[in-house]
Protein backbone atom coordinates (compact mmCIF):
# COMPACT_ATOMS: atom_id res chain seq x y z
CA MET A 1 122.26 115.66 60.50
CA VAL A 2 119.49 117.01 62.77
CA VAL A 3 120.35 119.96 65.01
CA PHE A 4 118.23 120.69 68.08
CA PHE A 5 117.87 124.21 69.45
CA ARG A 6 116.54 125.56 72.70
CA LYS A 7 113.08 127.05 72.59
CA THR A 8 114.40 130.59 73.19
CA GLU A 9 116.74 130.17 70.22
CA PHE A 10 113.76 129.22 68.03
CA GLN A 11 111.88 132.29 69.19
CA PHE A 12 114.76 134.53 68.08
CA PHE A 13 115.18 132.55 64.83
CA CYS A 14 111.48 132.88 63.98
CA LYS A 15 111.46 136.59 64.62
CA VAL A 16 114.22 136.94 62.03
CA VAL A 17 112.84 134.65 59.32
CA ILE A 18 109.22 135.78 59.53
CA ALA A 19 110.36 139.11 58.17
CA HIS A 20 111.48 137.29 54.99
CA GLY A 21 108.11 135.89 54.00
CA VAL A 22 105.32 133.43 54.70
CA ILE A 23 107.13 130.34 53.40
CA LEU A 24 110.12 130.81 55.69
CA ALA A 25 107.78 131.49 58.59
CA ALA A 26 105.90 128.25 57.93
CA ILE A 27 109.18 126.31 57.75
CA CYS A 28 110.28 127.84 61.03
CA LEU A 29 107.08 126.88 62.82
CA HIS A 30 107.22 123.32 61.45
CA ILE A 31 110.81 122.81 62.62
CA ALA A 32 110.04 124.32 66.03
CA ALA A 33 107.07 121.99 66.53
CA PHE A 34 109.23 119.00 65.62
CA ALA A 35 112.06 120.01 67.94
CA THR A 36 109.87 120.60 70.99
CA SER A 37 108.27 117.16 70.63
CA ALA A 38 111.37 115.25 69.51
CA TYR A 39 112.08 113.83 72.95
CA ALA A 40 108.48 113.58 74.20
CA GLN A 41 107.88 110.71 76.62
CA PRO A 42 105.85 107.94 74.95
CA PRO A 43 102.68 106.75 76.75
CA PHE A 44 103.27 104.41 79.70
CA GLN A 45 101.30 102.20 82.06
CA VAL A 46 99.95 103.53 85.36
CA MET A 47 97.49 102.67 88.10
CA VAL A 48 94.77 105.32 88.55
CA LYS A 49 92.28 106.18 91.28
CA THR A 50 89.67 108.71 90.24
CA ASN A 51 88.91 110.01 93.75
CA GLY A 52 90.21 110.07 97.30
CA SER A 53 87.83 107.50 98.75
CA GLY A 54 89.62 104.76 100.64
CA ASP A 55 87.66 102.06 98.82
CA ALA A 56 88.02 103.61 95.34
CA ALA A 57 89.16 101.02 92.82
CA ARG A 58 92.51 101.32 91.06
CA THR A 59 92.56 100.60 87.36
CA GLN A 60 95.52 100.11 85.05
CA GLN A 61 95.55 102.66 82.23
CA THR A 62 97.82 104.05 79.54
CA TYR A 63 98.98 107.54 80.50
CA THR A 64 99.62 110.12 77.79
CA LEU A 65 101.25 113.38 78.84
CA LEU A 66 99.90 116.70 77.58
CA PRO A 67 101.39 118.00 74.32
CA TYR A 68 103.63 121.04 74.09
CA LYS A 69 102.34 124.55 73.69
CA ASP A 70 103.34 127.98 75.00
CA ARG A 71 101.89 128.34 78.47
CA ASP A 72 102.12 131.17 80.98
CA TRP A 73 101.90 128.98 84.08
CA THR A 74 104.55 128.82 86.80
CA VAL A 75 104.82 125.64 88.89
CA CYS A 76 106.68 125.64 92.23
CA VAL A 77 108.39 122.29 92.90
CA SER A 78 109.61 121.39 96.39
CA LEU A 79 111.82 118.36 97.13
CA PRO A 80 113.23 117.10 100.46
CA HIS A 81 116.80 117.23 99.12
CA ILE A 82 118.92 116.35 96.09
CA LYS A 83 121.61 114.42 97.94
CA ASP A 84 121.21 111.18 96.02
CA SER A 85 120.43 109.96 92.54
CA TYR A 86 116.80 109.11 93.39
CA TRP A 87 115.89 112.76 93.90
CA LEU A 88 118.12 113.74 91.00
CA ALA A 89 115.90 111.49 88.87
CA VAL A 90 112.79 113.24 90.22
CA ASN A 91 114.49 116.59 89.52
CA TYR A 92 115.07 115.47 85.94
CA GLY A 93 111.47 114.30 85.54
CA VAL A 94 109.89 117.57 86.69
CA THR A 95 112.43 119.70 84.80
CA ASP A 96 112.14 117.88 81.50
CA GLN A 97 108.35 117.79 81.69
CA ALA A 98 108.20 121.51 82.40
CA LYS A 99 110.22 122.10 79.24
CA HIS A 100 107.95 119.83 77.19
CA LEU A 101 104.85 121.60 78.47
CA GLY A 102 106.22 125.08 77.79
CA ILE A 103 105.84 126.32 81.38
CA ASN A 104 108.00 128.07 83.96
CA MET A 105 109.27 126.03 86.88
CA ARG A 106 111.04 127.02 90.08
CA LEU A 107 112.46 124.23 92.21
CA SER A 108 113.70 124.29 95.80
CA HIS A 109 114.81 121.60 98.21
CA ALA A 110 114.83 121.53 102.01
CA GLY A 111 118.31 120.04 102.43
CA GLY A 112 117.09 117.01 104.37
CA TYR A 113 114.19 115.34 106.15
CA ASP A 114 114.61 117.37 109.35
CA ASN A 115 113.80 120.69 107.70
CA VAL A 116 110.02 120.91 107.43
CA GLU A 117 109.88 124.60 108.42
CA LEU A 118 112.36 125.48 105.69
CA GLN A 119 110.33 123.52 103.16
CA LYS A 120 107.15 125.39 104.12
CA GLN A 121 108.94 128.73 103.84
CA GLN A 122 110.38 127.86 100.42
CA ILE A 123 106.97 126.94 99.04
CA LEU A 124 105.29 130.09 100.30
CA GLU A 125 108.09 132.27 98.92
CA CYS A 126 107.81 130.67 95.50
CA VAL A 127 104.04 131.16 95.43
CA ALA A 128 104.48 134.79 96.53
CA HIS A 129 106.64 135.32 93.44
CA GLY A 130 103.93 134.19 91.05
CA GLY A 131 103.55 130.44 91.45
CA ASP A 132 100.27 129.13 90.05
CA ALA A 133 100.53 125.57 91.40
CA VAL A 134 102.73 123.56 93.76
CA VAL A 135 104.26 120.11 93.29
CA ALA A 136 105.59 118.96 96.68
CA ALA A 137 107.47 115.93 97.98
CA SER A 138 106.94 116.52 101.69
CA VAL A 139 109.58 115.69 104.29
CA THR A 140 106.83 114.29 106.52
CA ARG A 141 103.34 113.05 105.79
CA SER A 142 101.60 115.85 107.71
CA GLY A 143 104.29 118.54 107.78
CA LEU A 144 102.95 120.54 104.84
CA ASN A 145 99.25 120.19 105.62
CA SER A 146 98.78 123.75 106.88
CA VAL A 147 100.48 125.18 103.78
CA VAL A 148 98.51 122.96 101.42
CA GLU A 149 95.24 124.01 103.04
CA THR A 150 96.13 127.71 103.00
CA LEU A 151 97.02 127.54 99.31
CA ALA A 152 93.84 125.59 98.49
CA ARG A 153 91.72 128.35 100.00
CA ARG A 154 93.51 130.77 97.66
CA GLY A 155 92.79 128.58 94.64
CA ILE A 156 96.38 127.33 94.28
CA PRO A 157 96.46 123.54 93.85
CA THR A 158 99.09 121.26 95.39
CA VAL A 159 100.10 117.96 93.79
CA ASP A 160 101.59 115.40 96.17
CA LEU A 161 104.80 113.94 94.70
CA VAL A 162 106.43 110.63 95.79
CA ASN A 163 106.42 110.98 99.59
CA GLY A 164 102.76 111.30 100.54
CA ILE A 165 100.81 114.23 102.04
CA SER A 166 97.90 113.42 104.33
CA SER A 167 95.81 116.58 103.86
CA THR A 168 92.52 116.13 102.03
CA ALA A 169 93.15 119.56 100.45
CA VAL A 170 95.73 117.98 98.11
CA ALA A 171 94.46 118.35 94.55
CA ALA A 172 96.12 115.20 93.16
CA HIS A 173 98.74 112.59 93.96
CA ALA A 174 101.64 111.30 91.88
CA THR A 175 102.87 108.66 94.29
CA VAL A 176 103.46 104.94 94.49
CA ASP A 177 102.38 102.83 97.45
CA PHE A 178 105.66 102.15 99.25
CA GLY A 179 103.81 99.49 101.20
CA GLU A 180 103.64 97.62 97.90
CA MET A 181 107.36 98.28 97.38
CA GLY A 182 108.03 96.67 100.76
CA ARG A 183 105.77 93.73 99.93
CA ASN A 184 107.63 93.21 96.65
CA VAL A 185 110.93 93.00 98.51
CA ALA A 186 109.49 90.57 101.07
CA ALA A 187 108.19 88.31 98.30
CA TYR A 188 111.54 88.41 96.50
CA ILE A 189 113.45 87.46 99.67
CA THR A 190 111.04 84.60 100.35
CA ARG A 191 111.43 83.25 96.79
CA ASN A 192 115.22 83.34 97.01
CA LEU A 193 115.75 81.74 100.40
CA THR A 194 117.64 78.49 100.70
CA HIS A 195 116.73 75.88 103.32
CA ALA A 196 120.02 76.56 105.07
CA GLN A 197 119.01 80.20 105.59
CA SER A 198 115.56 79.60 107.04
CA PRO A 199 114.65 81.59 109.00
CA ALA A 200 116.88 84.20 107.43
CA ARG A 201 118.22 87.05 109.58
CA LEU A 202 117.60 90.55 108.19
CA ALA A 203 118.94 93.99 109.06
CA TRP A 204 116.39 96.61 107.99
CA LEU A 205 117.24 100.29 107.31
CA PRO A 206 114.13 101.91 105.82
CA GLY A 207 115.07 105.61 106.10
CA PRO A 208 113.85 108.64 108.10
CA TYR A 209 111.20 107.48 110.58
CA LEU A 210 108.60 110.23 110.07
CA ALA A 211 108.64 110.17 106.26
CA GLY A 212 105.38 108.78 104.88
CA TRP A 213 107.09 106.52 102.35
CA VAL A 214 109.22 104.99 105.12
CA GLN A 215 106.20 104.25 107.31
CA ASP A 216 104.44 102.62 104.37
CA GLY A 217 107.48 100.61 103.28
CA ASN A 218 108.14 99.45 106.82
CA LYS A 219 104.55 98.30 107.28
CA GLY A 220 104.47 96.54 103.89
CA LEU A 221 107.71 94.62 104.43
CA ARG A 222 106.95 93.55 107.99
CA GLU A 223 103.42 92.37 107.18
CA ALA A 224 104.46 90.43 104.07
CA LEU A 225 107.59 88.75 105.45
CA PRO A 226 106.70 85.25 106.75
CA GLN A 227 108.24 84.89 110.22
CA GLN A 228 108.99 81.24 109.66
CA ALA A 229 111.06 82.22 106.61
CA ALA A 230 112.79 85.43 107.70
CA LEU A 231 113.21 87.58 110.79
CA ILE A 232 114.08 91.27 111.09
CA VAL A 233 116.63 91.04 113.89
CA THR A 234 117.62 94.71 113.89
CA SER A 235 116.55 97.96 112.29
CA GLY A 236 117.86 101.50 112.04
CA TYR A 237 116.13 104.73 111.05
CA GLY A 238 117.78 107.91 109.85
CA ASP A 239 118.17 110.52 107.13
CA THR A 240 119.19 109.13 103.76
CA GLY A 241 122.54 110.91 103.69
CA ARG A 242 125.56 108.68 103.19
CA VAL A 243 127.20 109.64 106.49
CA GLU A 244 124.11 108.81 108.53
CA GLN A 245 123.48 105.51 106.75
CA ARG A 246 127.10 104.44 107.15
CA LYS A 247 126.92 105.10 110.90
CA LEU A 248 123.77 102.99 111.16
CA LEU A 249 125.37 100.15 109.19
CA LEU A 250 128.57 100.19 111.24
CA ASP A 251 126.55 99.96 114.45
CA ILE A 252 124.46 97.08 113.09
CA LEU A 253 127.44 95.10 111.81
CA LYS A 254 129.26 95.61 115.11
CA ASN A 255 126.36 94.26 117.16
CA GLN A 256 124.85 91.61 114.89
CA SER A 257 126.46 88.40 113.66
CA ASN A 258 125.23 85.86 111.14
CA LEU A 259 123.17 88.29 109.09
CA ASN A 260 121.85 86.90 105.80
CA PHE A 261 120.43 90.11 104.32
CA ILE A 262 120.84 93.85 104.58
CA VAL A 263 117.62 95.40 103.28
CA GLY A 264 116.94 99.09 103.20
CA ASN A 265 116.85 102.42 101.48
CA ALA A 266 118.97 102.86 98.39
CA VAL A 267 121.71 104.85 100.13
CA ALA A 268 122.10 102.13 102.78
CA ALA A 269 122.40 99.52 100.02
CA GLU A 270 124.95 101.61 98.12
CA VAL A 271 127.03 102.24 101.26
CA ALA A 272 126.87 98.59 102.30
CA VAL A 273 128.68 97.43 99.15
CA PRO A 274 132.14 98.96 99.86
CA LEU A 275 131.71 98.62 103.63
CA LEU A 276 131.23 94.86 103.43
CA ARG A 277 133.88 94.45 100.76
CA ASN A 278 136.56 96.32 102.72
CA ASP A 279 135.75 95.51 106.35
CA TYR A 280 134.05 92.10 106.04
CA PRO A 281 135.69 90.45 103.01
CA ASN A 282 134.45 86.94 103.89
CA HIS A 283 130.82 87.92 104.38
CA ASN A 284 127.87 86.04 102.84
CA ILE A 285 125.38 88.86 103.28
CA LYS A 286 123.05 89.69 100.40
CA ILE A 287 122.00 93.31 99.86
CA LEU A 288 118.60 94.54 98.66
CA SER A 289 117.20 98.03 98.30
CA TYR A 290 113.48 98.77 98.35
CA TYR A 291 113.77 101.35 95.56
CA LEU A 292 116.06 101.88 92.59
CA THR A 293 118.75 104.53 92.14
CA ALA A 294 121.70 104.84 89.77
CA GLY A 295 124.00 103.37 92.43
CA VAL A 296 121.67 100.44 93.07
CA TYR A 297 121.34 99.91 89.32
CA ARG A 298 125.14 99.67 89.02
CA GLY A 299 125.26 97.37 92.04
CA ILE A 300 122.76 94.96 90.46
CA LYS A 301 124.66 95.06 87.18
CA ARG A 302 127.93 94.19 88.95
CA GLY A 303 126.36 91.44 91.09
CA GLN A 304 126.88 93.42 94.32
CA ILE A 305 123.19 94.10 95.05
CA LEU A 306 120.60 91.40 94.61
CA ALA A 307 117.51 93.34 93.54
CA ALA A 308 115.25 96.36 94.02
CA PRO A 309 111.72 97.36 93.05
CA THR A 310 111.37 100.63 91.16
CA ASP A 311 108.65 103.22 91.53
CA SER A 312 109.87 105.04 88.38
CA PRO A 313 110.75 108.41 89.98
CA VAL A 314 111.33 110.13 86.62
CA LEU A 315 107.78 109.23 85.57
CA GLN A 316 106.38 110.36 88.93
CA GLY A 317 107.99 113.75 88.37
CA ARG A 318 106.53 113.98 84.87
CA ILE A 319 103.06 112.94 86.04
CA ALA A 320 103.01 115.47 88.90
CA VAL A 321 103.82 118.42 86.64
CA ASP A 322 101.34 117.14 84.04
CA GLN A 323 98.61 116.85 86.71
CA ALA A 324 99.29 120.41 87.90
CA ILE A 325 98.81 121.83 84.39
CA ARG A 326 95.70 119.73 83.76
CA ILE A 327 94.18 121.14 86.96
CA LEU A 328 95.09 124.72 86.05
CA GLU A 329 93.62 124.29 82.55
CA ASN A 330 90.49 122.47 83.76
CA GLN A 331 91.42 119.36 81.79
CA PRO A 332 90.58 115.79 82.90
CA TYR A 333 93.11 114.31 85.30
CA GLY A 334 93.55 111.27 87.53
CA TYR A 335 93.25 112.04 91.23
CA HIS A 336 95.92 109.47 92.15
CA VAL A 337 98.28 108.25 89.43
CA SER A 338 101.04 105.70 90.12
CA PRO A 339 103.55 104.16 87.72
CA VAL A 340 103.37 100.37 87.71
CA ILE A 341 105.97 98.88 90.11
CA HIS A 342 108.61 96.58 88.60
CA MET A 343 111.02 94.32 90.49
CA ILE A 344 114.51 94.68 88.98
CA ASP A 345 117.31 92.14 89.21
CA GLU A 346 119.99 90.82 86.86
CA SER A 347 117.39 88.88 84.84
CA ASN A 348 115.59 91.98 83.53
CA LEU A 349 117.99 94.84 84.18
CA ASP A 350 118.93 95.29 80.53
CA THR A 351 115.36 95.23 79.21
CA TYR A 352 113.75 97.61 81.71
CA PRO A 353 113.49 101.21 80.32
CA ARG A 354 115.99 102.88 82.64
CA GLY A 355 114.80 106.34 81.57
CA HIS A 356 111.68 105.75 83.69
CA SER A 357 113.81 105.58 86.84
CA LEU A 358 117.19 107.23 86.27
CA ALA A 359 118.29 110.67 85.13
CA PRO A 360 120.46 110.72 82.01
CA SER A 361 124.21 110.62 82.49
CA GLY A 362 125.52 114.15 82.91
CA PHE A 363 122.27 115.66 84.20
CA ARG A 364 122.89 118.19 86.95
CA PRO A 365 120.44 119.60 89.52
CA THR A 366 118.20 122.15 87.79
CA PHE A 367 116.24 124.76 89.71
CA VAL A 368 114.71 127.05 87.08
CA VAL A 369 112.96 126.45 83.77
CA HIS A 370 111.94 129.43 81.64
CA GLY A 371 109.51 127.68 79.37
CA ALA A 372 106.79 130.20 78.73
CA SER A 373 107.00 132.95 76.18
CA PRO A 374 108.46 136.22 77.52
């Protein structure tokens, strides 16, 4: 049987055994090294841009995260919210990677996409308490620009996580092109249309209007969807809370008949499943999400949701923290690193590595990691 200890428990254990001789000390250090790397993320495939030029080429590469060692860095992580399993997966990614790197992490969230001033305040407070770098998933594309630029002048780097930040003062990006996510959904719908459905009628619920990922996803889907094959007959924008998405869906279903697809953010897709089942039991509407969450994963598995692309939010969280430490330690890093997008449906659900996209069962929101040596 192998027993795993927390790092702080190893530190106490080593202090005790070192007093009993060199051999025991060596054994302690060997076991500690094994334990801290036992769950290390294996290398994975990413797309990398080496600079911020608009015409810079993207290349597919194998990404290897930094190895563990005691580090004295503190990274401030800021998320829009942790109201759904997507951001819980990001929370897991940044938390677990902070532990593997041996750093301190402090995480805050703004409580929703309307709270940009709160998000700015949270970041500045964390930095004031000793933060060396910032990893931020901004509630709007430009909302954090002034903070990012102020921190850059002070030598504190910001890594853009998931949502997109437009400031050129951003040190690195760990984001996926949600335009590509939208294009993947459009291609999937087109491939799965029947002649009887053409042109298919879509309801589209992308999420909060000002969020960068929503603007990109909206543009990607609309541009890639052939009008002769499918039409977006109605759309609704709003925060990705369940209450807001349910209101939008109820309004759409009340005012639109003969819909073939409901396509939207993951919360809309999750809410649509019981709403259609209970209130519209004879419906023939297919549901798609344009990103993957635990609820969407279950919906695909049960045949309730047709498909979703995944941007691997756990990996994005890992990459962002890894980039921040590489910058602080003057190590080579990719300016813009994106996990490879995969389209998930019932045909490949069981073979896709779910740990790239979903937090483990039982994981709870985590706000502090004490990784560095005291």
